[in-house]
């Protein structure tokens, strides 16, 4: 899909989301620079964006002048920031790593989230050390301790950490995720559910969601199927992740909030793939339109 096709797509009427739902997307999946990220959301006609990297730089690492320009550009574009995706406890920061990196990133992001008008900060739960792995009880103990301290810091800053079903001790196991929430015991720790991570991390996303659905505050939309043991990322509804079933389950349990697209068809930071290609914006728009179509089907179902 070319950019002119994306422009034509933007001018036509498109389905509204289900009641209580907003559409958004992780901006750097459309373009590295903020201008392209804004353009993609304007073409979709969406009023919300999720932020991760700007020109390959994490939001926490932007200098103050660059951050001020970003905040002003988003205000001018009338785009609401619904979540910031941090590197805290993520796939690149094992449990044996320097905890001060995470505490420092949270401290830097707290005023920036406030300036952007969002309370939500995406985190993970520390992969084990790949070289000298801890035994499971020690991995669990250290993870819970770190997450408890981070949640306390977030609570003091008025933020909510959203733990993703991705890399880390509690990423692929509902019992561990529930244990993490229970033992941290803080209103500043909730869940973000990614519909498409199960293929890469070896679990069934829908089955996981059935146990966690009432703890989910934010949703990322991804779909994939396995080919030769590797994930192949697809448009939503075309993979094996039961995206429609996941979204239906969320709606049935009263979920209101954001459905944010993370296509992963070109950009996969954990694999070092950050080039969206020449058609990044157009492909992002295509993905967004596919979500709109899928969501419209759910709305029609509910009206029967």
Protein backbone atom coordinates (compact mmCIF):
# COMPACT_ATOMS: atom_id res chain seq x y z
CA UNK A 1 0.00 0.00 0.00
CA UNK A 2 1.46 3.34 -1.07
CA UNK A 3 1.14 6.70 0.66
CA UNK A 4 -1.41 7.94 -1.90
CA UNK A 5 -3.57 4.93 -1.08
CA UNK A 6 -3.30 5.78 2.59
CA UNK A 7 -4.44 9.34 1.84
CA UNK A 8 -7.44 8.08 -0.11
CA UNK A 9 -8.23 5.71 2.75
CA UNK A 10 -8.20 8.57 5.25
CA UNK A 11 -10.80 10.59 3.32
CA UNK A 12 -13.43 7.84 3.32
CA UNK A 13 -15.75 7.19 6.29
CA UNK A 14 -14.52 4.47 8.62
CA UNK A 15 -16.13 2.48 11.42
CA UNK A 16 -16.13 3.96 14.89
CA UNK A 17 -14.70 1.85 17.71
CA UNK A 18 -17.04 0.03 20.08
CA UNK A 19 -18.48 2.19 22.88
CA UNK A 20 -15.86 3.05 25.48
CA UNK A 21 -12.93 2.16 23.20
CA UNK A 22 -10.33 4.44 21.59
CA UNK A 23 -7.97 3.44 18.82
CA UNK A 24 -4.28 4.36 19.03
CA UNK A 25 -0.94 3.05 17.84
CA UNK A 26 2.69 2.83 18.89
CA UNK A 27 4.08 5.65 16.81
CA UNK A 28 7.51 4.32 15.88
CA UNK A 29 5.88 1.33 14.19
CA UNK A 30 4.78 3.82 11.51
CA UNK A 31 7.84 6.07 11.22
CA UNK A 32 11.02 6.81 13.18
CA UNK A 33 10.43 10.56 13.35
CA UNK A 34 7.60 12.28 15.18
CA UNK A 35 6.30 13.99 12.03
CA UNK A 36 5.68 10.62 10.38
CA UNK A 37 4.15 9.21 13.54
CA UNK A 38 1.74 12.13 13.73
CA UNK A 39 0.93 11.86 10.02
CA UNK A 40 0.03 8.18 10.35
CA UNK A 41 -2.45 8.91 13.12
CA UNK A 42 -3.93 11.86 11.23
CA UNK A 43 -4.45 9.66 8.17
CA UNK A 44 -6.29 7.19 10.36
CA UNK A 45 -8.32 9.98 11.94
CA UNK A 46 -7.31 8.81 15.41
CA UNK A 47 -6.78 11.20 18.31
CA UNK A 48 -4.50 9.09 20.52
CA UNK A 49 -0.91 7.83 20.27
CA UNK A 50 1.36 5.54 22.28
CA UNK A 51 5.01 6.65 22.45
CA UNK A 52 8.17 4.54 22.52
CA UNK A 53 11.10 5.89 20.43
CA UNK A 54 11.67 9.09 18.47
CA UNK A 55 14.29 8.79 15.73
CA UNK A 56 15.63 5.71 17.50
CA UNK A 57 15.91 7.41 20.89
CA UNK A 58 13.83 6.30 23.86
CA UNK A 59 11.61 8.98 25.35
CA UNK A 60 13.64 8.95 28.58
CA UNK A 61 16.84 9.67 26.65
CA UNK A 62 15.65 12.71 24.70
CA UNK A 63 17.30 15.90 25.84
CA UNK A 64 15.02 18.54 27.35
CA UNK A 65 14.85 20.65 24.20
CA UNK A 66 13.91 17.65 22.05
CA UNK A 67 11.26 16.59 24.55
CA UNK A 68 9.79 20.10 24.65
CA UNK A 69 9.54 20.10 20.84
CA UNK A 70 7.83 16.70 20.94
CA UNK A 71 5.29 17.83 23.53
CA UNK A 72 4.50 20.98 21.57
CA UNK A 73 4.10 19.08 18.29
CA UNK A 74 1.68 16.65 19.92
CA UNK A 75 -0.33 19.52 21.38
CA UNK A 76 -0.53 21.19 17.98
CA UNK A 77 -1.62 17.89 16.41
CA UNK A 78 -4.22 17.40 19.17
CA UNK A 79 -2.96 13.91 19.83
CA UNK A 80 -3.43 12.51 23.33
CA UNK A 81 -0.62 10.34 24.67
CA UNK A 82 -2.27 7.27 26.19
CA UNK A 83 0.83 5.34 27.27
CA UNK A 84 4.63 5.59 27.24
CA UNK A 85 6.53 2.37 26.54
CA UNK A 86 9.60 2.31 28.76
CA UNK A 87 12.57 -0.05 28.83
CA UNK A 88 12.05 -0.78 32.52
CA UNK A 89 12.54 -4.50 33.25
CA UNK A 90 12.35 -5.27 29.53
CA UNK A 91 13.96 -7.93 27.32
CA UNK A 92 17.31 -6.07 27.38
CA UNK A 93 17.50 -5.75 31.18
CA UNK A 94 17.88 -9.11 32.93
CA UNK A 95 17.16 -9.56 36.60
CA UNK A 96 20.89 -9.54 37.40
CA UNK A 97 21.38 -6.14 35.75
CA UNK A 98 21.77 -2.72 37.33
CA UNK A 99 18.49 -1.82 39.04
CA UNK A 100 19.45 1.85 39.09
CA UNK A 101 18.92 1.97 35.32
CA UNK A 102 15.24 1.29 35.91
CA UNK A 103 14.86 3.58 38.89
CA UNK A 104 16.60 6.34 36.95
CA UNK A 105 14.44 5.84 33.87
CA UNK A 106 11.30 5.98 35.97
CA UNK A 107 12.51 9.18 37.63
CA UNK A 108 13.17 10.79 34.24
CA UNK A 109 9.87 9.68 32.76
CA UNK A 110 7.67 10.77 35.67
CA UNK A 111 7.67 14.51 34.84
CA UNK A 112 7.56 13.75 31.13
CA UNK A 113 4.47 11.58 31.49
CA UNK A 114 2.88 14.37 33.54
CA UNK A 115 3.70 16.89 30.82
CA UNK A 116 2.19 14.58 28.18
CA UNK A 117 -0.93 13.96 30.24
CA UNK A 118 -0.60 10.21 30.72
CA UNK A 119 -0.34 8.10 33.87
CA UNK A 120 0.47 4.87 32.04
CA UNK A 121 4.00 3.51 31.69
CA UNK A 122 4.59 0.11 30.06
CA UNK A 123 7.05 -2.18 31.85
CA UNK A 124 8.02 -5.86 31.83
CA UNK A 125 9.25 -8.18 34.59
CA UNK A 126 12.93 -8.98 34.04
CA UNK A 127 14.09 -11.90 31.92
CA UNK A 128 16.44 -14.29 33.66
CA UNK A 129 20.18 -13.89 33.15
CA UNK A 130 20.95 -15.73 29.89
CA UNK A 131 24.52 -16.52 30.92
CA UNK A 132 24.14 -17.48 34.57
CA UNK A 133 20.42 -17.94 35.17
CA UNK A 134 19.01 -17.78 38.67
CA UNK A 135 16.88 -20.62 39.94
CA UNK A 136 13.17 -19.85 39.72
CA UNK A 137 12.55 -19.01 43.40
CA UNK A 138 15.41 -16.49 43.45
CA UNK A 139 14.36 -15.02 40.09
CA UNK A 140 10.85 -14.62 41.48
CA UNK A 141 12.03 -13.09 44.76
CA UNK A 142 14.24 -10.50 43.08
CA UNK A 143 11.59 -9.63 40.51
CA UNK A 144 8.88 -9.07 43.10
CA UNK A 145 11.25 -6.99 45.24
CA UNK A 146 12.25 -4.77 42.33
CA UNK A 147 8.70 -4.36 41.07
CA UNK A 148 7.48 -3.49 44.57
CA UNK A 149 10.07 -0.72 44.81
CA UNK A 150 9.28 0.55 41.33
CA UNK A 151 5.56 0.56 42.07
CA UNK A 152 6.15 2.58 45.23
CA UNK A 153 8.19 5.08 43.21
CA UNK A 154 5.49 5.21 40.52
CA UNK A 155 2.74 5.69 43.09
CA UNK A 156 4.60 8.64 44.60
CA UNK A 157 4.80 10.16 41.09
CA UNK A 158 1.13 9.56 40.27
CA UNK A 159 1.92 6.94 37.62
CA UNK A 160 0.62 3.44 36.92
CA UNK A 161 3.05 0.79 35.71
CA UNK A 162 1.46 -1.53 33.15
CA UNK A 163 3.10 -4.95 33.12
CA UNK A 164 3.12 -6.55 29.67
CA UNK A 165 2.69 -10.24 28.87
CA UNK A 166 6.08 -10.30 27.18
CA UNK A 167 9.65 -10.85 28.38
CA UNK A 168 10.21 -11.48 32.06
CA UNK A 169 9.39 -13.68 35.01
CA UNK A 170 5.63 -12.99 34.88
CA UNK A 171 5.27 -12.39 31.15
CA UNK A 172 3.93 -15.72 29.91
CA UNK A 173 2.29 -17.24 32.97
CA UNK A 174 -1.02 -16.05 34.42
CA UNK A 175 -0.31 -17.48 37.87
CA UNK A 176 2.96 -15.55 38.05
CA UNK A 177 1.30 -12.35 36.83
CA UNK A 178 -1.39 -12.66 39.49
CA UNK A 179 1.25 -13.42 42.12
CA UNK A 180 3.21 -10.35 41.05
CA UNK A 181 0.13 -8.14 41.41
CA UNK A 182 -0.75 -9.68 44.77
CA UNK A 183 2.71 -9.46 46.31
CA UNK A 184 3.48 -5.98 45.02
CA UNK A 185 0.00 -4.99 46.24
CA UNK A 186 -0.05 -1.49 44.79
CA UNK A 187 -2.61 0.51 42.80
CA UNK A 188 0.39 1.63 40.73
CA UNK A 189 0.82 -1.80 39.11
CA UNK A 190 -1.72 -3.09 36.60
CA UNK A 191 -1.55 -4.98 33.29
CA UNK A 192 -1.26 -4.21 29.60
CA UNK A 193 -2.35 -7.13 27.44
CA UNK A 194 -0.72 -7.71 24.05
CA UNK A 195 -2.89 -9.96 21.90
CA UNK A 196 -0.01 -11.23 19.76
CA UNK A 197 2.87 -12.10 22.07
CA UNK A 198 1.89 -15.71 22.65
CA UNK A 199 3.32 -17.01 19.37
CA UNK A 200 6.79 -15.64 20.14
CA UNK A 201 6.76 -16.61 23.83
CA UNK A 202 5.11 -20.01 23.65
CA UNK A 203 1.64 -19.63 25.13
CA UNK A 204 -1.97 -19.11 24.01
CA UNK A 205 -2.83 -15.45 24.44
CA UNK A 206 -6.57 -16.00 24.75
CA UNK A 207 -6.13 -18.60 27.48
CA UNK A 208 -3.84 -16.24 29.39
CA UNK A 209 -6.35 -13.41 29.05
CA UNK A 210 -9.20 -15.46 30.51
CA UNK A 211 -7.33 -15.46 33.83
CA UNK A 212 -6.18 -11.83 33.74
CA UNK A 213 -8.98 -9.96 31.98
CA UNK A 214 -10.19 -8.03 35.02
CA UNK A 215 -6.69 -6.65 35.68
CA UNK A 216 -6.12 -5.21 32.19
CA UNK A 217 -5.98 -1.40 31.83
CA UNK A 218 -4.55 -1.15 28.30
CA UNK A 219 -4.47 -3.34 25.19
CA UNK A 220 -1.90 -3.64 22.41
CA UNK A 221 -3.07 -5.21 19.15
CA UNK A 222 -0.77 -7.64 17.39
CA UNK A 223 -1.37 -10.89 15.49
CA UNK A 224 0.93 -13.66 14.27
CA UNK A 225 1.19 -17.28 13.26
CA UNK A 226 4.07 -19.71 13.63
CA UNK A 227 5.99 -20.83 10.54
CA UNK A 228 8.96 -23.18 11.00
CA UNK A 229 8.97 -22.33 14.68
CA UNK A 230 9.20 -18.57 14.13
CA UNK A 231 6.48 -15.91 14.45
CA UNK A 232 5.21 -14.35 11.23
CA UNK A 233 3.29 -11.17 11.98
CA UNK A 234 0.00 -10.60 10.19
CA UNK A 235 -2.85 -8.14 10.00
CA UNK A 236 -5.17 -8.40 13.01
CA UNK A 237 -7.53 -11.31 12.53
CA UNK A 238 -5.32 -13.12 10.00
CA UNK A 239 -3.04 -14.91 12.47
CA UNK A 240 -3.58 -17.58 15.10
CA UNK A 241 -3.81 -15.32 18.16
CA UNK A 242 -7.61 -15.17 18.29
CA UNK A 243 -7.52 -11.37 18.32
CA UNK A 244 -11.28 -11.03 17.80
CA UNK A 245 -11.95 -13.49 20.63
CA UNK A 246 -9.59 -11.57 22.92
CA UNK A 247 -11.30 -8.26 22.18
CA UNK A 248 -14.74 -9.81 22.56
CA UNK A 249 -13.73 -11.20 25.95
CA UNK A 250 -12.48 -7.79 27.06
CA UNK A 251 -15.72 -6.12 26.00
CA UNK A 252 -17.80 -8.81 27.69
CA UNK A 253 -15.95 -8.08 30.94
CA UNK A 254 -16.64 -4.35 30.71
CA UNK A 255 -13.24 -3.22 29.45
CA UNK A 256 -13.09 0.43 28.42
CA UNK A 257 -9.93 2.11 27.27
CA UNK A 258 -7.48 1.97 24.40
CA UNK A 259 -6.80 -0.62 21.71
CA UNK A 260 -3.35 0.33 20.44
CA UNK A 261 -1.84 -1.23 17.32
CA UNK A 262 1.70 -2.62 17.39
CA UNK A 263 1.98 -4.27 13.95
CA UNK A 264 5.51 -5.68 14.35
CA UNK A 265 5.52 -6.38 10.62
CA UNK A 266 8.67 -4.31 10.07
CA UNK A 267 9.73 -2.86 13.44
CA UNK A 268 10.79 -5.36 16.12
CA UNK A 269 13.09 -3.64 18.62
CA UNK A 270 13.97 -6.86 20.46
CA UNK A 271 15.35 -8.25 17.16
CA UNK A 272 17.20 -5.03 16.31
CA UNK A 273 14.75 -4.30 13.48
CA UNK A 274 13.91 -0.60 13.52
CA UNK A 275 13.57 0.30 9.82
CA UNK A 276 9.91 0.73 8.84
CA UNK A 277 10.79 1.00 5.15
CA UNK A 278 9.47 3.43 2.57
CA UNK A 279 5.85 2.38 3.10
CA UNK A 280 5.85 2.46 6.89
CA UNK A 281 3.10 5.04 7.27
CA UNK A 282 0.92 3.42 4.62
CA UNK A 283 1.34 -0.03 6.15
CA UNK A 284 0.52 1.35 9.59
CA UNK A 285 -2.67 2.89 8.19
CA UNK A 286 -3.53 -0.41 6.51
CA UNK A 287 -3.11 -2.18 9.84
CA UNK A 288 -5.29 0.38 11.58
CA UNK A 289 -8.02 -0.04 8.98
CA UNK A 290 -7.91 -3.80 9.53
CA UNK A 291 -8.45 -3.25 13.25
CA UNK A 292 -11.37 -0.92 12.52
CA UNK A 293 -12.96 -3.59 10.33
CA UNK A 294 -12.46 -6.28 12.94
CA UNK A 295 -13.87 -4.04 15.68
CA UNK A 296 -16.90 -3.15 13.54
CA UNK A 297 -17.72 -6.84 13.35
CA UNK A 298 -17.72 -7.02 17.14
CA UNK A 299 -20.02 -4.00 17.32
CA UNK A 300 -22.45 -5.64 14.89
CA UNK A 301 -22.40 -8.83 16.95
CA UNK A 302 -23.24 -6.92 20.11
CA UNK A 303 -26.19 -5.21 18.39
CA UNK A 304 -27.89 -8.47 17.39
